[in-house]
Amino acid sequence: MNLKEGSVLYARIDYKIGDRQETEQDAMDSMEYLQKIAAERYLAAGVFGNMELGTMDGAMVLFEAKDLAEAQKIANDDPIIQRGYYRCDVYQWNVMLLSKDAG
């Protein structure tokens, strides 16, 4: 993708549900899913919190989709969401400004 001002992406914001901790396999399944999506389209993902201390309480995934309906399907098909460890909100994100190195 040639990211430029005026591009439309979708932002998935994840929120931890309760105290139940996902397993290493759950995390690996989610990562594999996101890697599959990333092979097909622009995607950037990261977690909120301190990974060294293990205090992650959410995440954000920024990705391409043809419309909000497809974006919601992509978001909800992630195993970490399907298994109930996190809930997510999906927003259309309109690129308004890019640094010179981003395009």
N, C-alpha and C. Protein backbone atom coordinates (compact mmCIF):
# COMPACT_ATOMS: atom_id res chain seq x y z
N MET A 1 0.84 -1.18 0.00
CA MET A 1 0.00 0.00 0.00
C MET A 1 0.88 1.23 0.00
N ASN A 2 0.50 2.17 -0.80
CA ASN A 2 1.16 3.46 -0.80
C ASN A 2 0.33 4.40 0.08
N LEU A 3 0.66 4.44 1.35
CA LEU A 3 -0.08 5.27 2.30
C LEU A 3 0.13 6.73 1.98
N LYS A 4 -0.96 7.47 1.87
CA LYS A 4 -0.87 8.89 1.56
C LYS A 4 -2.00 9.61 2.26
N GLU A 5 -1.87 10.92 2.34
CA GLU A 5 -2.93 11.73 2.92
C GLU A 5 -4.20 11.49 2.12
N GLY A 6 -5.30 11.29 2.81
CA GLY A 6 -6.57 10.98 2.17
C GLY A 6 -6.88 9.49 2.14
N SER A 7 -5.91 8.65 2.49
CA SER A 7 -6.15 7.21 2.56
C SER A 7 -7.14 6.91 3.68
N VAL A 8 -7.84 5.80 3.54
CA VAL A 8 -8.76 5.34 4.58
C VAL A 8 -8.26 3.99 5.08
N LEU A 9 -8.06 3.90 6.37
CA LEU A 9 -7.71 2.65 7.03
C LEU A 9 -8.77 2.41 8.11
N TYR A 10 -8.63 1.30 8.81
CA TYR A 10 -9.54 0.98 9.91
C TYR A 10 -8.70 0.68 11.14
N ALA A 11 -9.17 1.18 12.27
CA ALA A 11 -8.48 0.98 13.54
C ALA A 11 -9.33 0.08 14.42
N ARG A 12 -8.72 -1.00 14.87
CA ARG A 12 -9.36 -1.90 15.83
C ARG A 12 -8.70 -1.65 17.18
N ILE A 13 -9.50 -1.26 18.15
CA ILE A 13 -9.00 -1.03 19.51
C ILE A 13 -9.52 -2.17 20.37
N ASP A 14 -8.61 -2.90 21.01
CA ASP A 14 -8.96 -4.05 21.85
C ASP A 14 -8.93 -3.65 23.32
N TYR A 15 -9.90 -4.16 24.07
CA TYR A 15 -10.00 -3.93 25.51
C TYR A 15 -10.08 -5.27 26.22
N LYS A 16 -9.25 -5.44 27.24
CA LYS A 16 -9.21 -6.69 28.01
C LYS A 16 -10.55 -6.91 28.70
N ILE A 17 -11.03 -8.15 28.68
CA ILE A 17 -12.27 -8.52 29.36
C ILE A 17 -11.90 -9.33 30.60
N GLY A 18 -12.19 -8.83 31.76
CA GLY A 18 -11.97 -9.58 33.00
C GLY A 18 -10.52 -9.92 33.27
N ASP A 19 -10.34 -10.89 34.16
CA ASP A 19 -9.00 -11.29 34.60
C ASP A 19 -8.49 -12.56 33.94
N ARG A 20 -9.33 -13.21 33.16
CA ARG A 20 -8.91 -14.47 32.53
C ARG A 20 -7.76 -14.19 31.58
N GLN A 21 -6.67 -14.92 31.73
CA GLN A 21 -5.47 -14.70 30.93
C GLN A 21 -5.42 -15.66 29.75
N GLU A 22 -5.16 -15.11 28.56
CA GLU A 22 -5.02 -15.97 27.39
C GLU A 22 -3.76 -16.82 27.52
N THR A 23 -3.79 -17.98 26.88
CA THR A 23 -2.63 -18.86 26.91
C THR A 23 -1.64 -18.44 25.84
N GLU A 24 -0.47 -19.02 25.89
CA GLU A 24 0.53 -18.77 24.85
C GLU A 24 -0.02 -19.22 23.49
N GLN A 25 -0.77 -20.33 23.47
CA GLN A 25 -1.36 -20.81 22.22
C GLN A 25 -2.38 -19.82 21.68
N ASP A 26 -3.19 -19.22 22.55
CA ASP A 26 -4.15 -18.20 22.12
C ASP A 26 -3.42 -17.04 21.46
N ALA A 27 -2.35 -16.58 22.09
CA ALA A 27 -1.56 -15.46 21.55
C ALA A 27 -0.94 -15.84 20.21
N MET A 28 -0.44 -17.07 20.10
CA MET A 28 0.16 -17.53 18.84
C MET A 28 -0.90 -17.63 17.74
N ASP A 29 -2.09 -18.11 18.09
CA ASP A 29 -3.17 -18.22 17.11
C ASP A 29 -3.56 -16.83 16.59
N SER A 30 -3.62 -15.87 17.49
CA SER A 30 -3.94 -14.50 17.10
C SER A 30 -2.85 -13.93 16.20
N MET A 31 -1.59 -14.15 16.56
CA MET A 31 -0.48 -13.65 15.77
C MET A 31 -0.49 -14.27 14.37
N GLU A 32 -0.74 -15.56 14.29
CA GLU A 32 -0.82 -16.22 12.98
C GLU A 32 -1.94 -15.63 12.14
N TYR A 33 -3.07 -15.37 12.77
CA TYR A 33 -4.20 -14.78 12.05
C TYR A 33 -3.81 -13.39 11.53
N LEU A 34 -3.22 -12.57 12.38
CA LEU A 34 -2.84 -11.23 11.96
C LEU A 34 -1.76 -11.26 10.87
N GLN A 35 -0.83 -12.20 10.95
CA GLN A 35 0.19 -12.34 9.91
C GLN A 35 -0.44 -12.72 8.58
N LYS A 36 -1.47 -13.56 8.61
CA LYS A 36 -2.19 -13.93 7.38
C LYS A 36 -2.85 -12.69 6.77
N ILE A 37 -3.50 -11.90 7.60
CA ILE A 37 -4.14 -10.67 7.11
C ILE A 37 -3.08 -9.71 6.58
N ALA A 38 -1.96 -9.59 7.28
CA ALA A 38 -0.88 -8.68 6.87
C ALA A 38 -0.27 -9.08 5.53
N ALA A 39 -0.32 -10.36 5.19
CA ALA A 39 0.21 -10.81 3.90
C ALA A 39 -0.70 -10.37 2.75
N GLU A 40 -1.95 -10.04 3.07
CA GLU A 40 -2.93 -9.68 2.06
C GLU A 40 -3.14 -8.18 1.91
N ARG A 41 -2.78 -7.40 2.94
CA ARG A 41 -3.09 -5.97 2.96
C ARG A 41 -2.23 -5.27 3.99
N TYR A 42 -2.24 -3.94 3.98
CA TYR A 42 -1.51 -3.16 4.98
C TYR A 42 -2.07 -3.48 6.36
N LEU A 43 -1.18 -3.69 7.32
CA LEU A 43 -1.58 -3.94 8.71
C LEU A 43 -0.42 -3.57 9.62
N ALA A 44 -0.73 -2.89 10.69
CA ALA A 44 0.23 -2.62 11.77
C ALA A 44 -0.48 -2.94 13.07
N ALA A 45 0.20 -3.62 13.99
CA ALA A 45 -0.44 -4.03 15.24
C ALA A 45 0.53 -3.83 16.40
N GLY A 46 -0.02 -3.52 17.56
CA GLY A 46 0.78 -3.38 18.76
C GLY A 46 -0.09 -3.44 20.00
N VAL A 47 0.55 -3.59 21.14
CA VAL A 47 -0.18 -3.71 22.41
C VAL A 47 0.02 -2.47 23.26
N PHE A 48 -0.94 -2.22 24.14
CA PHE A 48 -0.84 -1.16 25.14
C PHE A 48 -0.33 -1.79 26.43
N GLY A 49 0.60 -1.14 27.06
CA GLY A 49 1.13 -1.64 28.32
C GLY A 49 2.61 -1.93 28.22
N ASN A 50 3.11 -2.62 29.21
CA ASN A 50 4.53 -2.93 29.30
C ASN A 50 4.73 -4.42 29.07
N MET A 51 5.27 -4.79 27.91
CA MET A 51 5.46 -6.21 27.59
C MET A 51 6.47 -6.87 28.51
N GLU A 52 7.49 -6.12 28.95
CA GLU A 52 8.50 -6.70 29.85
C GLU A 52 7.90 -7.10 31.19
N LEU A 53 6.94 -6.31 31.67
CA LEU A 53 6.30 -6.60 32.95
C LEU A 53 5.06 -7.47 32.79
N GLY A 54 4.65 -7.69 31.55
CA GLY A 54 3.46 -8.49 31.30
C GLY A 54 2.17 -7.78 31.66
N THR A 55 2.18 -6.46 31.60
CA THR A 55 1.00 -5.69 31.96
C THR A 55 0.34 -5.10 30.72
N MET A 56 -0.02 -5.97 29.80
CA MET A 56 -0.71 -5.53 28.59
C MET A 56 -2.21 -5.60 28.87
N ASP A 57 -2.90 -4.51 28.55
CA ASP A 57 -4.34 -4.50 28.82
C ASP A 57 -5.16 -4.11 27.60
N GLY A 58 -4.54 -4.13 26.44
CA GLY A 58 -5.26 -3.80 25.23
C GLY A 58 -4.32 -3.79 24.04
N ALA A 59 -4.88 -3.50 22.89
CA ALA A 59 -4.08 -3.49 21.67
C ALA A 59 -4.75 -2.60 20.63
N MET A 60 -3.99 -2.31 19.58
CA MET A 60 -4.53 -1.57 18.45
C MET A 60 -4.02 -2.22 17.18
N VAL A 61 -4.91 -2.40 16.22
CA VAL A 61 -4.56 -2.93 14.92
C VAL A 61 -5.07 -1.93 13.89
N LEU A 62 -4.19 -1.47 13.03
CA LEU A 62 -4.54 -0.52 11.97
C LEU A 62 -4.39 -1.27 10.65
N PHE A 63 -5.45 -1.29 9.83
CA PHE A 63 -5.40 -2.12 8.63
C PHE A 63 -6.31 -1.60 7.53
N GLU A 64 -6.07 -2.12 6.33
CA GLU A 64 -6.89 -1.82 5.16
C GLU A 64 -8.10 -2.75 5.11
N ALA A 65 -9.21 -2.21 4.63
CA ALA A 65 -10.40 -3.00 4.34
C ALA A 65 -11.21 -2.22 3.31
N LYS A 66 -12.08 -2.92 2.58
CA LYS A 66 -12.84 -2.22 1.54
C LYS A 66 -13.93 -1.34 2.13
N ASP A 67 -14.42 -1.72 3.34
CA ASP A 67 -15.45 -0.92 4.00
C ASP A 67 -15.53 -1.34 5.47
N LEU A 68 -16.39 -0.66 6.22
CA LEU A 68 -16.50 -0.93 7.65
C LEU A 68 -16.99 -2.35 7.92
N ALA A 69 -17.89 -2.86 7.11
CA ALA A 69 -18.39 -4.22 7.32
C ALA A 69 -17.26 -5.25 7.20
N GLU A 70 -16.40 -5.10 6.19
CA GLU A 70 -15.28 -6.03 6.05
C GLU A 70 -14.30 -5.84 7.21
N ALA A 71 -14.08 -4.60 7.61
CA ALA A 71 -13.17 -4.34 8.74
C ALA A 71 -13.68 -5.00 10.02
N GLN A 72 -14.96 -4.93 10.28
CA GLN A 72 -15.53 -5.56 11.48
C GLN A 72 -15.40 -7.08 11.41
N LYS A 73 -15.59 -7.66 10.23
CA LYS A 73 -15.43 -9.10 10.08
C LYS A 73 -13.98 -9.52 10.34
N ILE A 74 -13.03 -8.78 9.76
CA ILE A 74 -11.62 -9.07 9.99
C ILE A 74 -11.30 -8.99 11.49
N ALA A 75 -11.78 -7.95 12.13
CA ALA A 75 -11.52 -7.77 13.57
C ALA A 75 -12.13 -8.91 14.39
N ASN A 76 -13.37 -9.24 14.12
CA ASN A 76 -14.08 -10.23 14.93
C ASN A 76 -13.65 -11.66 14.65
N ASP A 77 -12.97 -11.91 13.54
CA ASP A 77 -12.49 -13.26 13.23
C ASP A 77 -11.16 -13.59 13.92
N ASP A 78 -10.55 -12.64 14.57
CA ASP A 78 -9.30 -12.89 15.30
C ASP A 78 -9.60 -13.82 16.47
N PRO A 79 -8.85 -14.91 16.62
CA PRO A 79 -9.10 -15.85 17.71
C PRO A 79 -9.13 -15.21 19.10
N ILE A 80 -8.33 -14.20 19.34
CA ILE A 80 -8.27 -13.57 20.67
C ILE A 80 -9.58 -12.85 20.99
N ILE A 81 -10.27 -12.39 19.95
CA ILE A 81 -11.59 -11.76 20.11
C ILE A 81 -12.65 -12.86 20.21
N GLN A 82 -12.60 -13.83 19.31
CA GLN A 82 -13.59 -14.92 19.32
C GLN A 82 -13.62 -15.68 20.63
N ARG A 83 -12.46 -15.84 21.26
CA ARG A 83 -12.37 -16.63 22.49
C ARG A 83 -12.71 -15.81 23.74
N GLY A 84 -13.04 -14.54 23.56
CA GLY A 84 -13.54 -13.73 24.66
C GLY A 84 -12.52 -13.14 25.61
N TYR A 85 -11.26 -13.10 25.21
CA TYR A 85 -10.25 -12.47 26.07
C TYR A 85 -10.29 -10.95 25.94
N TYR A 86 -10.66 -10.47 24.77
CA TYR A 86 -10.75 -9.04 24.50
C TYR A 86 -12.05 -8.77 23.75
N ARG A 87 -12.54 -7.56 23.89
CA ARG A 87 -13.59 -7.06 23.02
C ARG A 87 -12.95 -5.96 22.19
N CYS A 88 -13.55 -5.62 21.07
CA CYS A 88 -12.94 -4.59 20.24
C CYS A 88 -13.98 -3.64 19.67
N ASP A 89 -13.52 -2.45 19.39
CA ASP A 89 -14.28 -1.46 18.64
C ASP A 89 -13.51 -1.21 17.35
N VAL A 90 -14.23 -0.99 16.27
CA VAL A 90 -13.59 -0.74 14.98
C VAL A 90 -14.05 0.62 14.47
N TYR A 91 -13.08 1.42 14.04
CA TYR A 91 -13.36 2.77 13.56
C TYR A 91 -12.73 2.98 12.19
N GLN A 92 -13.41 3.75 11.36
CA GLN A 92 -12.79 4.22 10.12
C GLN A 92 -11.79 5.29 10.53
N TRP A 93 -10.58 5.22 9.95
CA TRP A 93 -9.51 6.15 10.29
C TRP A 93 -9.04 6.81 9.01
N ASN A 94 -9.19 8.11 8.93
CA ASN A 94 -8.86 8.88 7.74
C ASN A 94 -7.49 9.53 7.92
N VAL A 95 -6.56 9.20 7.06
CA VAL A 95 -5.20 9.75 7.14
C VAL A 95 -5.26 11.21 6.71
N MET A 96 -4.88 12.10 7.63
CA MET A 96 -4.92 13.52 7.35
C MET A 96 -3.52 14.11 7.17
N LEU A 97 -2.52 13.50 7.81
CA LEU A 97 -1.18 14.04 7.77
C LEU A 97 -0.17 12.91 7.89
N LEU A 98 0.87 12.95 7.09
CA LEU A 98 1.95 11.96 7.15
C LEU A 98 3.29 12.70 7.22
N SER A 99 4.23 12.11 7.92
CA SER A 99 5.58 12.65 7.91
C SER A 99 6.17 12.40 6.53
N LYS A 100 7.25 13.07 6.19
CA LYS A 100 7.87 12.91 4.88
C LYS A 100 8.34 11.49 4.62
N ASP A 101 8.77 10.78 5.66
CA ASP A 101 9.29 9.42 5.50
C ASP A 101 8.22 8.35 5.42
N ALA A 102 6.95 8.68 5.72
CA ALA A 102 5.90 7.67 5.81
C ALA A 102 5.37 7.25 4.44
N GLY A 103 5.44 8.08 3.45
CA GLY A 103 4.82 7.75 2.16
C GLY A 103 5.71 7.06 1.29
